[in-house]
Amino acid sequence: MKPSRTFTIGLVLAGLLGLGDLATGLFGVGGDGQPPLAAAVVITLLGAITLAGTWFAWGGRRGGLVTVIVTRILSGLAVLPAFGDDSISGANVVLLSVGLVVTVAALVLIWPGLRRPAVAAS
């Protein structure tokens, strides 16, 4: 069965967010206004796991989809403390806000993919 357009868009968004999380470990970790090293490592790992889950979900595997959903939720929760941290730059707060909105959108688009198709009565 071919995935719906909304599911495909949500999965692509989740994959892009995973790539963005991977970039966290490559750019400006621990610097002034940047996330601390421990947070960056966690977010980077979540990004890598999201990408692996996206690969499997794209192939139609339910476990991959569950992995994407769980890692996106955890990644969103991991950035929430940044909103109360005065040392985080305003530009990073804006980026984090956009990331959270896109995360919610991706989750809304892919969540229906968890439903199992109805079994036809014979």
C-alpha atoms as a PDB file:
ATOM      1  CA  MET A   1       0.000   0.000   0.000  1.00  0.00           C
ATOM      2  CA  LYS A   2       1.335   3.399  -0.983  1.00  0.00           C
ATOM      3  CA  PRO A   3       1.732   5.913   1.892  1.00  0.00           C
ATOM      4  CA  SER A   4      -0.420   9.033   1.832  1.00  0.00           C
ATOM      5  CA  ARG A   5       0.970  12.389   0.803  1.00  0.00           C
ATOM      6  CA  THR A   6       0.577  13.790   4.341  1.00  0.00           C
ATOM      7  CA  PHE A   7       2.439  10.817   5.803  1.00  0.00           C
ATOM      8  CA  THR A   8       5.259  11.276   3.292  1.00  0.00           C
ATOM      9  CA  ILE A   9       5.511  15.002   4.067  1.00  0.00           C
ATOM     10  CA  GLY A  10       5.567  14.290   7.807  1.00  0.00           C
ATOM     11  CA  LEU A  11       8.264  11.659   7.409  1.00  0.00           C
ATOM     12  CA  VAL A  12      10.386  14.013   5.291  1.00  0.00           C
ATOM     13  CA  LEU A  13       9.971  16.751   7.926  1.00  0.00           C
ATOM     14  CA  ALA A  14      11.021  14.317  10.649  1.00  0.00           C
ATOM     15  CA  GLY A  15      14.067  13.312   8.607  1.00  0.00           C
ATOM     16  CA  LEU A  16      15.049  16.952   8.105  1.00  0.00           C
ATOM     17  CA  LEU A  17      14.663  17.555  11.838  1.00  0.00           C
ATOM     18  CA  GLY A  18      16.906  14.541  12.442  1.00  0.00           C
ATOM     19  CA  LEU A  19      19.523  16.083  10.140  1.00  0.00           C
ATOM     20  CA  GLY A  20      19.172  19.351  12.048  1.00  0.00           C
ATOM     21  CA  ASP A  21      19.769  17.492  15.296  1.00  0.00           C
ATOM     22  CA  LEU A  22      22.901  15.918  13.822  1.00  0.00           C
ATOM     23  CA  ALA A  23      24.147  19.396  12.951  1.00  0.00           C
ATOM     24  CA  THR A  24      23.877  20.345  16.625  1.00  0.00           C
ATOM     25  CA  GLY A  25      26.927  18.234  17.352  1.00  0.00           C
ATOM     26  CA  LEU A  26      28.912  19.812  14.529  1.00  0.00           C
ATOM     27  CA  PHE A  27      28.366  23.547  15.030  1.00  0.00           C
ATOM     28  CA  GLY A  28      29.025  25.736  18.044  1.00  0.00           C
ATOM     29  CA  VAL A  29      28.679  23.250  20.862  1.00  0.00           C
ATOM     30  CA  GLY A  30      29.407  24.680  24.278  1.00  0.00           C
ATOM     31  CA  GLY A  31      30.191  28.161  22.975  1.00  0.00           C
ATOM     32  CA  ASP A  32      28.651  31.397  24.135  1.00  0.00           C
ATOM     33  CA  GLY A  33      24.887  31.155  23.616  1.00  0.00           C
ATOM     34  CA  GLN A  34      25.152  27.537  22.422  1.00  0.00           C
ATOM     35  CA  PRO A  35      23.908  24.342  24.060  1.00  0.00           C
ATOM     36  CA  PRO A  36      26.188  22.617  26.564  1.00  0.00           C
ATOM     37  CA  LEU A  37      28.121  19.582  25.376  1.00  0.00           C
ATOM     38  CA  ALA A  38      25.944  17.029  27.203  1.00  0.00           C
ATOM     39  CA  ALA A  39      22.734  18.409  25.674  1.00  0.00           C
ATOM     40  CA  ALA A  40      24.306  18.540  22.231  1.00  0.00           C
ATOM     41  CA  VAL A  41      25.403  14.902  22.473  1.00  0.00           C
ATOM     42  CA  VAL A  42      21.899  13.757  23.458  1.00  0.00           C
ATOM     43  CA  ILE A  43      20.257  15.784  20.693  1.00  0.00           C
ATOM     44  CA  THR A  44      22.790  14.528  18.129  1.00  0.00           C
ATOM     45  CA  LEU A  45      22.145  10.905  19.113  1.00  0.00           C
ATOM     46  CA  LEU A  46      18.396  11.459  18.875  1.00  0.00           C
ATOM     47  CA  GLY A  47      18.929  12.885  15.385  1.00  0.00           C
ATOM     48  CA  ALA A  48      20.901   9.839  14.282  1.00  0.00           C
ATOM     49  CA  ILE A  49      18.260   7.478  15.675  1.00  0.00           C
ATOM     50  CA  THR A  50      15.528   9.541  13.983  1.00  0.00           C
ATOM     51  CA  LEU A  51      17.278   9.146  10.638  1.00  0.00           C
ATOM     52  CA  ALA A  52      17.581   5.393  11.104  1.00  0.00           C
ATOM     53  CA  GLY A  53      13.907   5.191  12.069  1.00  0.00           C
ATOM     54  CA  THR A  54      12.953   7.306   9.063  1.00  0.00           C
ATOM     55  CA  TRP A  55      14.788   4.884   6.795  1.00  0.00           C
ATOM     56  CA  PHE A  56      12.852   1.920   8.178  1.00  0.00           C
ATOM     57  CA  ALA A  57       9.525   3.790   8.279  1.00  0.00           C
ATOM     58  CA  TRP A  58      10.005   4.761   4.645  1.00  0.00           C
ATOM     59  CA  GLY A  59      10.263   1.063   3.885  1.00  0.00           C
ATOM     60  CA  GLY A  60       6.926   0.474   5.616  1.00  0.00           C
ATOM     61  CA  ARG A  61       8.170  -0.855   8.937  1.00  0.00           C
ATOM     62  CA  ARG A  62       6.009   0.075  11.899  1.00  0.00           C
ATOM     63  CA  GLY A  63       8.956  -0.119  14.315  1.00  0.00           C
ATOM     64  CA  GLY A  64      10.742   2.578  12.338  1.00  0.00           C
ATOM     65  CA  LEU A  65       7.706   4.824  12.592  1.00  0.00           C
ATOM     66  CA  VAL A  66       7.473   4.304  16.350  1.00  0.00           C
ATOM     67  CA  THR A  67      11.187   5.112  16.608  1.00  0.00           C
ATOM     68  CA  VAL A  68      10.707   8.362  14.684  1.00  0.00           C
ATOM     69  CA  ILE A  69       7.782   9.403  16.860  1.00  0.00           C
ATOM     70  CA  VAL A  70       9.562   8.624  20.135  1.00  0.00           C
ATOM     71  CA  THR A  71      12.823  10.324  19.142  1.00  0.00           C
ATOM     72  CA  ARG A  72      11.032  13.442  17.874  1.00  0.00           C
ATOM     73  CA  ILE A  73       9.111  13.721  21.157  1.00  0.00           C
ATOM     74  CA  LEU A  74      12.305  13.254  23.183  1.00  0.00           C
ATOM     75  CA  SER A  75      14.179  15.757  21.035  1.00  0.00           C
ATOM     76  CA  GLY A  76      11.407  18.307  21.531  1.00  0.00           C
ATOM     77  CA  LEU A  77      11.492  17.754  25.283  1.00  0.00           C
ATOM     78  CA  ALA A  78      15.295  18.019  25.324  1.00  0.00           C
ATOM     79  CA  VAL A  79      15.237  21.592  24.035  1.00  0.00           C
ATOM     80  CA  LEU A  80      12.558  22.904  26.414  1.00  0.00           C
ATOM     81  CA  PRO A  81      15.048  23.885  29.162  1.00  0.00           C
ATOM     82  CA  ALA A  82      16.719  26.269  26.701  1.00  0.00           C
ATOM     83  CA  PHE A  83      13.708  28.583  26.892  1.00  0.00           C
ATOM     84  CA  GLY A  84      14.454  29.305  30.544  1.00  0.00           C
ATOM     85  CA  ASP A  85      18.210  29.692  30.091  1.00  0.00           C
ATOM     86  CA  ASP A  86      19.348  33.312  29.809  1.00  0.00           C
ATOM     87  CA  SER A  87      22.683  32.287  28.279  1.00  0.00           C
ATOM     88  CA  ILE A  88      21.018  30.940  25.106  1.00  0.00           C
ATOM     89  CA  SER A  89      21.080  33.516  22.332  1.00  0.00           C
ATOM     90  CA  GLY A  90      17.858  35.004  20.977  1.00  0.00           C
ATOM     91  CA  ALA A  91      18.579  33.620  17.513  1.00  0.00           C
ATOM     92  CA  ASN A  92      18.885  30.109  18.941  1.00  0.00           C
ATOM     93  CA  VAL A  93      15.608  30.519  20.846  1.00  0.00           C
ATOM     94  CA  VAL A  94      13.894  31.451  17.578  1.00  0.00           C
ATOM     95  CA  LEU A  95      15.426  28.414  15.830  1.00  0.00           C
ATOM     96  CA  LEU A  96      14.351  26.153  18.677  1.00  0.00           C
ATOM     97  CA  SER A  97      10.818  27.554  18.512  1.00  0.00           C
ATOM     98  CA  VAL A  98      10.597  26.907  14.784  1.00  0.00           C
ATOM     99  CA  GLY A  99      11.979  23.415  15.353  1.00  0.00           C
ATOM    100  CA  LEU A 100       9.317  22.677  17.950  1.00  0.00           C
ATOM    101  CA  VAL A 101       6.531  23.865  15.654  1.00  0.00           C
ATOM    102  CA  VAL A 102       7.857  21.733  12.786  1.00  0.00           C
ATOM    103  CA  THR A 103       8.221  18.778  15.177  1.00  0.00           C
ATOM    104  CA  VAL A 104       4.574  19.042  16.204  1.00  0.00           C
ATOM    105  CA  ALA A 105       3.546  19.326  12.536  1.00  0.00           C
ATOM    106  CA  ALA A 106       5.594  16.242  11.603  1.00  0.00           C
ATOM    107  CA  LEU A 107       4.104  14.254  14.478  1.00  0.00           C
ATOM    108  CA  VAL A 108       0.565  15.241  13.516  1.00  0.00           C
ATOM    109  CA  LEU A 109       1.220  14.160   9.919  1.00  0.00           C
ATOM    110  CA  ILE A 110       2.813  10.785  10.688  1.00  0.00           C
ATOM    111  CA  TRP A 111       0.821   9.723  13.764  1.00  0.00           C
ATOM    112  CA  PRO A 112      -2.098   8.284  11.711  1.00  0.00           C
ATOM    113  CA  GLY A 113       0.421   5.910  10.128  1.00  0.00           C
ATOM    114  CA  LEU A 114       0.394   3.947  13.393  1.00  0.00           C
ATOM    115  CA  ARG A 115      -3.141   2.724  12.730  1.00  0.00           C
ATOM    116  CA  ARG A 116      -3.262  -0.779  11.412  1.00  0.00           C
ATOM    117  CA  PRO A 117      -5.363  -1.366   8.301  1.00  0.00           C
ATOM    118  CA  ALA A 118      -8.724  -3.013   8.871  1.00  0.00           C
ATOM    119  CA  VAL A 119      -8.829  -6.739   8.332  1.00  0.00           C
ATOM    120  CA  ALA A 120     -11.321  -7.745   5.658  1.00  0.00           C
ATOM    121  CA  ALA A 121     -13.892 -10.292   6.738  1.00  0.00           C
ATOM    122  CA  SER A 122     -13.966 -13.400   4.614  1.00  0.00           C
END
